[in-house]
N, C-alpha and C. Protein backbone atom coordinates (compact mmCIF):
# COMPACT_ATOMS: atom_id res chain seq x y z
N UNK A 1 19.83 -25.68 -10.87
CA UNK A 1 18.68 -24.79 -10.81
C UNK A 1 17.44 -25.56 -10.35
N UNK A 2 17.27 -26.76 -10.88
CA UNK A 2 16.11 -27.56 -10.50
C UNK A 2 16.16 -27.94 -9.03
N UNK A 3 17.37 -28.23 -8.53
CA UNK A 3 17.48 -28.60 -7.12
C UNK A 3 17.11 -27.42 -6.22
N UNK A 4 17.45 -26.21 -6.65
CA UNK A 4 17.09 -25.03 -5.86
C UNK A 4 15.57 -24.89 -5.79
N UNK A 5 14.90 -25.07 -6.93
CA UNK A 5 13.44 -24.99 -6.94
C UNK A 5 12.80 -26.09 -6.11
N UNK A 6 13.37 -27.28 -6.17
CA UNK A 6 12.83 -28.39 -5.38
C UNK A 6 12.96 -28.15 -3.88
N UNK A 7 13.92 -27.35 -3.49
CA UNK A 7 14.08 -27.02 -2.07
C UNK A 7 13.22 -25.83 -1.66
N UNK A 8 13.06 -24.87 -2.54
CA UNK A 8 12.34 -23.64 -2.20
C UNK A 8 10.84 -23.87 -2.14
N UNK A 9 10.28 -24.55 -3.13
CA UNK A 9 8.82 -24.69 -3.22
C UNK A 9 8.23 -25.40 -2.01
N UNK A 10 8.72 -26.58 -1.59
CA UNK A 10 8.10 -27.21 -0.42
C UNK A 10 8.30 -26.43 0.88
N UNK A 11 9.39 -25.68 0.97
CA UNK A 11 9.63 -24.95 2.21
C UNK A 11 8.69 -23.75 2.35
N UNK A 12 8.02 -23.35 1.29
CA UNK A 12 7.09 -22.23 1.35
C UNK A 12 5.69 -22.66 1.80
N UNK A 13 5.35 -23.92 1.70
CA UNK A 13 4.00 -24.37 2.02
C UNK A 13 3.58 -24.15 3.48
N UNK A 14 4.44 -24.29 4.48
CA UNK A 14 3.98 -24.05 5.86
C UNK A 14 3.44 -22.65 6.09
N UNK A 15 3.89 -21.68 5.30
CA UNK A 15 3.40 -20.31 5.45
C UNK A 15 1.90 -20.24 5.14
N UNK A 16 1.40 -21.13 4.31
CA UNK A 16 -0.02 -21.12 3.96
C UNK A 16 -0.91 -21.44 5.15
N UNK A 17 -0.36 -22.10 6.16
CA UNK A 17 -1.15 -22.50 7.32
C UNK A 17 -1.00 -21.56 8.51
N UNK A 18 -0.25 -20.49 8.35
CA UNK A 18 -0.05 -19.52 9.43
C UNK A 18 -1.10 -18.43 9.35
N UNK A 19 -1.42 -17.79 10.49
CA UNK A 19 -2.32 -16.64 10.44
C UNK A 19 -1.68 -15.49 9.66
N UNK A 20 -2.50 -14.63 9.11
CA UNK A 20 -1.99 -13.54 8.26
C UNK A 20 -1.03 -12.63 9.02
N UNK A 21 -1.27 -12.40 10.29
CA UNK A 21 -0.36 -11.52 11.04
C UNK A 21 1.04 -12.13 11.13
N UNK A 22 1.13 -13.43 11.24
CA UNK A 22 2.44 -14.08 11.31
C UNK A 22 3.14 -14.06 9.95
N UNK A 23 2.38 -14.15 8.86
CA UNK A 23 2.97 -14.12 7.53
C UNK A 23 3.67 -12.78 7.31
N UNK A 24 3.02 -11.69 7.71
CA UNK A 24 3.65 -10.38 7.59
C UNK A 24 4.94 -10.31 8.40
N UNK A 25 4.90 -10.89 9.57
CA UNK A 25 6.08 -10.89 10.43
C UNK A 25 7.21 -11.69 9.79
N UNK A 26 6.90 -12.82 9.19
CA UNK A 26 7.91 -13.61 8.50
C UNK A 26 8.53 -12.83 7.35
N UNK A 27 7.71 -12.12 6.62
CA UNK A 27 8.21 -11.35 5.47
C UNK A 27 9.20 -10.29 5.95
N UNK A 28 8.90 -9.62 7.02
CA UNK A 28 9.78 -8.57 7.53
C UNK A 28 11.16 -9.13 7.87
N UNK A 29 11.20 -10.28 8.51
CA UNK A 29 12.47 -10.79 8.97
C UNK A 29 13.17 -11.70 7.96
N UNK A 30 12.46 -12.20 6.96
CA UNK A 30 13.08 -13.04 5.95
C UNK A 30 13.48 -12.27 4.70
N UNK A 31 13.04 -11.04 4.57
CA UNK A 31 13.35 -10.24 3.38
C UNK A 31 14.85 -10.10 3.14
N UNK A 32 15.68 -9.79 4.14
CA UNK A 32 17.11 -9.67 3.86
C UNK A 32 17.72 -10.96 3.34
N UNK A 33 17.33 -12.07 3.93
CA UNK A 33 17.88 -13.37 3.52
C UNK A 33 17.42 -13.72 2.10
N UNK A 34 16.18 -13.43 1.79
CA UNK A 34 15.67 -13.72 0.45
C UNK A 34 16.37 -12.85 -0.59
N UNK A 35 16.56 -11.58 -0.30
CA UNK A 35 17.27 -10.70 -1.24
C UNK A 35 18.71 -11.18 -1.46
N UNK A 36 19.34 -11.59 -0.40
CA UNK A 36 20.71 -12.08 -0.52
C UNK A 36 20.77 -13.34 -1.38
N UNK A 37 19.83 -14.26 -1.16
CA UNK A 37 19.80 -15.49 -1.94
C UNK A 37 19.52 -15.24 -3.40
N UNK A 38 18.60 -14.34 -3.70
CA UNK A 38 18.29 -14.00 -5.09
C UNK A 38 19.51 -13.38 -5.76
N UNK A 39 20.18 -12.46 -5.05
CA UNK A 39 21.35 -11.81 -5.63
C UNK A 39 22.45 -12.82 -5.90
N UNK A 40 22.69 -13.74 -4.97
CA UNK A 40 23.73 -14.74 -5.17
C UNK A 40 23.40 -15.66 -6.33
N UNK A 41 22.13 -16.00 -6.50
CA UNK A 41 21.73 -16.83 -7.62
C UNK A 41 21.94 -16.09 -8.94
N UNK A 42 21.54 -14.83 -8.99
CA UNK A 42 21.74 -14.04 -10.21
C UNK A 42 23.23 -13.85 -10.51
N UNK A 43 24.04 -13.70 -9.47
CA UNK A 43 25.48 -13.57 -9.65
C UNK A 43 26.07 -14.88 -10.18
N UNK A 44 25.61 -15.99 -9.65
CA UNK A 44 26.10 -17.29 -10.08
C UNK A 44 25.75 -17.56 -11.54
N UNK A 45 24.58 -17.10 -11.97
CA UNK A 45 24.15 -17.29 -13.35
C UNK A 45 24.67 -16.20 -14.28
N UNK A 46 25.48 -15.30 -13.76
CA UNK A 46 26.10 -14.19 -14.52
C UNK A 46 25.09 -13.22 -15.10
N UNK A 47 23.98 -13.00 -14.40
CA UNK A 47 23.03 -11.96 -14.81
C UNK A 47 23.42 -10.60 -14.24
N UNK A 48 24.11 -10.61 -13.13
CA UNK A 48 24.56 -9.37 -12.49
C UNK A 48 26.04 -9.53 -12.14
N UNK A 49 26.70 -8.41 -11.93
CA UNK A 49 28.09 -8.44 -11.49
C UNK A 49 28.14 -8.25 -9.99
N UNK A 50 29.18 -8.76 -9.38
CA UNK A 50 29.34 -8.60 -7.94
C UNK A 50 29.54 -7.12 -7.61
N UNK A 51 28.93 -6.70 -6.52
CA UNK A 51 29.08 -5.34 -6.03
C UNK A 51 29.86 -5.40 -4.72
N UNK A 52 30.92 -4.61 -4.60
CA UNK A 52 31.63 -4.59 -3.32
C UNK A 52 30.69 -4.10 -2.21
N UNK A 53 30.76 -4.74 -1.09
CA UNK A 53 29.95 -4.39 0.08
C UNK A 53 28.45 -4.58 -0.19
N UNK A 54 28.08 -5.52 -1.03
CA UNK A 54 26.67 -5.74 -1.35
C UNK A 54 25.89 -6.18 -0.11
N UNK A 55 26.52 -6.93 0.78
CA UNK A 55 25.83 -7.35 1.99
C UNK A 55 25.42 -6.15 2.83
N UNK A 56 26.26 -5.13 2.86
CA UNK A 56 25.92 -3.92 3.61
C UNK A 56 24.75 -3.19 2.96
N UNK A 57 24.70 -3.18 1.64
CA UNK A 57 23.58 -2.56 0.94
C UNK A 57 22.28 -3.29 1.21
N UNK A 58 22.33 -4.61 1.19
CA UNK A 58 21.13 -5.41 1.46
C UNK A 58 20.67 -5.17 2.89
N UNK A 59 21.61 -5.14 3.84
CA UNK A 59 21.25 -4.88 5.23
C UNK A 59 20.62 -3.51 5.39
N UNK A 60 21.21 -2.50 4.75
CA UNK A 60 20.66 -1.14 4.86
C UNK A 60 19.27 -1.06 4.25
N UNK A 61 19.06 -1.69 3.11
CA UNK A 61 17.74 -1.69 2.48
C UNK A 61 16.71 -2.36 3.37
N UNK A 62 17.06 -3.53 3.91
CA UNK A 62 16.08 -4.25 4.72
C UNK A 62 15.81 -3.56 6.05
N UNK A 63 16.83 -2.94 6.63
CA UNK A 63 16.62 -2.20 7.87
C UNK A 63 15.73 -0.98 7.60
N UNK A 64 15.98 -0.30 6.50
CA UNK A 64 15.13 0.83 6.12
C UNK A 64 13.70 0.41 5.89
N UNK A 65 13.52 -0.76 5.24
CA UNK A 65 12.17 -1.28 5.00
C UNK A 65 11.48 -1.61 6.32
N UNK A 66 12.20 -2.25 7.24
CA UNK A 66 11.62 -2.60 8.53
C UNK A 66 11.23 -1.35 9.31
N UNK A 67 12.09 -0.32 9.29
CA UNK A 67 11.76 0.92 10.00
C UNK A 67 10.59 1.65 9.33
N UNK A 68 10.52 1.57 8.01
CA UNK A 68 9.37 2.15 7.29
C UNK A 68 8.07 1.47 7.73
N UNK A 69 8.10 0.14 7.78
CA UNK A 69 6.91 -0.58 8.22
C UNK A 69 6.57 -0.25 9.66
N UNK A 70 7.58 -0.11 10.51
CA UNK A 70 7.34 0.22 11.92
C UNK A 70 6.69 1.60 12.04
N UNK A 71 7.11 2.54 11.20
CA UNK A 71 6.59 3.90 11.27
C UNK A 71 5.16 4.00 10.73
N UNK A 72 4.90 3.41 9.58
CA UNK A 72 3.62 3.62 8.91
C UNK A 72 2.63 2.46 9.06
N UNK A 73 3.12 1.28 9.43
CA UNK A 73 2.24 0.12 9.62
C UNK A 73 2.57 -0.53 10.95
N UNK A 74 2.40 0.20 12.02
CA UNK A 74 2.81 -0.29 13.33
C UNK A 74 1.98 -1.48 13.80
N UNK A 75 0.82 -1.72 13.19
CA UNK A 75 0.01 -2.88 13.60
C UNK A 75 0.66 -4.20 13.18
N UNK A 76 1.62 -4.16 12.26
CA UNK A 76 2.30 -5.38 11.83
C UNK A 76 3.27 -5.86 12.89
N UNK A 77 3.94 -4.94 13.56
CA UNK A 77 4.95 -5.28 14.55
C UNK A 77 4.32 -5.67 15.87
N UNK A 78 4.71 -6.80 16.45
CA UNK A 78 4.30 -7.10 17.82
C UNK A 78 4.93 -6.08 18.78
N UNK A 79 4.32 -5.88 19.92
CA UNK A 79 4.78 -4.84 20.84
C UNK A 79 6.20 -5.10 21.33
N UNK A 80 6.60 -6.35 21.48
CA UNK A 80 7.96 -6.65 21.92
C UNK A 80 8.99 -6.16 20.94
N UNK A 81 8.75 -6.34 19.66
CA UNK A 81 9.66 -5.86 18.63
C UNK A 81 9.65 -4.34 18.57
N UNK A 82 8.48 -3.76 18.74
CA UNK A 82 8.39 -2.30 18.72
C UNK A 82 9.19 -1.70 19.87
N UNK A 83 9.11 -2.32 21.04
CA UNK A 83 9.90 -1.83 22.18
C UNK A 83 11.39 -1.94 21.91
N UNK A 84 11.81 -3.02 21.27
CA UNK A 84 13.22 -3.19 20.94
C UNK A 84 13.68 -2.14 19.93
N UNK A 85 12.87 -1.89 18.90
CA UNK A 85 13.22 -0.87 17.90
C UNK A 85 13.28 0.50 18.56
N UNK A 86 12.34 0.80 19.45
CA UNK A 86 12.36 2.08 20.16
C UNK A 86 13.61 2.21 21.03
N UNK A 87 14.02 1.11 21.64
CA UNK A 87 15.21 1.15 22.50
C UNK A 87 16.47 1.38 21.68
N UNK A 88 16.59 0.71 20.52
CA UNK A 88 17.80 0.81 19.72
C UNK A 88 17.87 2.12 18.95
N UNK A 89 16.77 2.50 18.31
CA UNK A 89 16.77 3.67 17.41
C UNK A 89 16.11 4.90 18.00
N UNK A 90 15.50 4.77 19.15
CA UNK A 90 14.75 5.87 19.71
C UNK A 90 13.34 5.88 19.11
N UNK A 91 12.54 6.79 19.56
CA UNK A 91 11.17 6.87 19.07
C UNK A 91 11.19 7.38 17.63
N UNK A 92 10.61 6.59 16.71
CA UNK A 92 10.59 7.03 15.30
C UNK A 92 9.22 7.45 14.89
């Protein structure tokens, strides 16, 4: 547990030196990975039980969150990402 904290804490410091618009962008794209890591840690410590197809649930949640942000907070998304989302999912 201590080794995990020793790896996580220093890796978060570079975010403090980024502009706020980039921090929001990092959160959007790192949220699925962070949720997966937290779930695996809780599973390893036996706080939660394994759920079949949990990776699919995490992906669906994070995709829904990203599309929610795209719809209601479009200023967060750079135009290149917005064009890609429009191409894949259509105009939302």
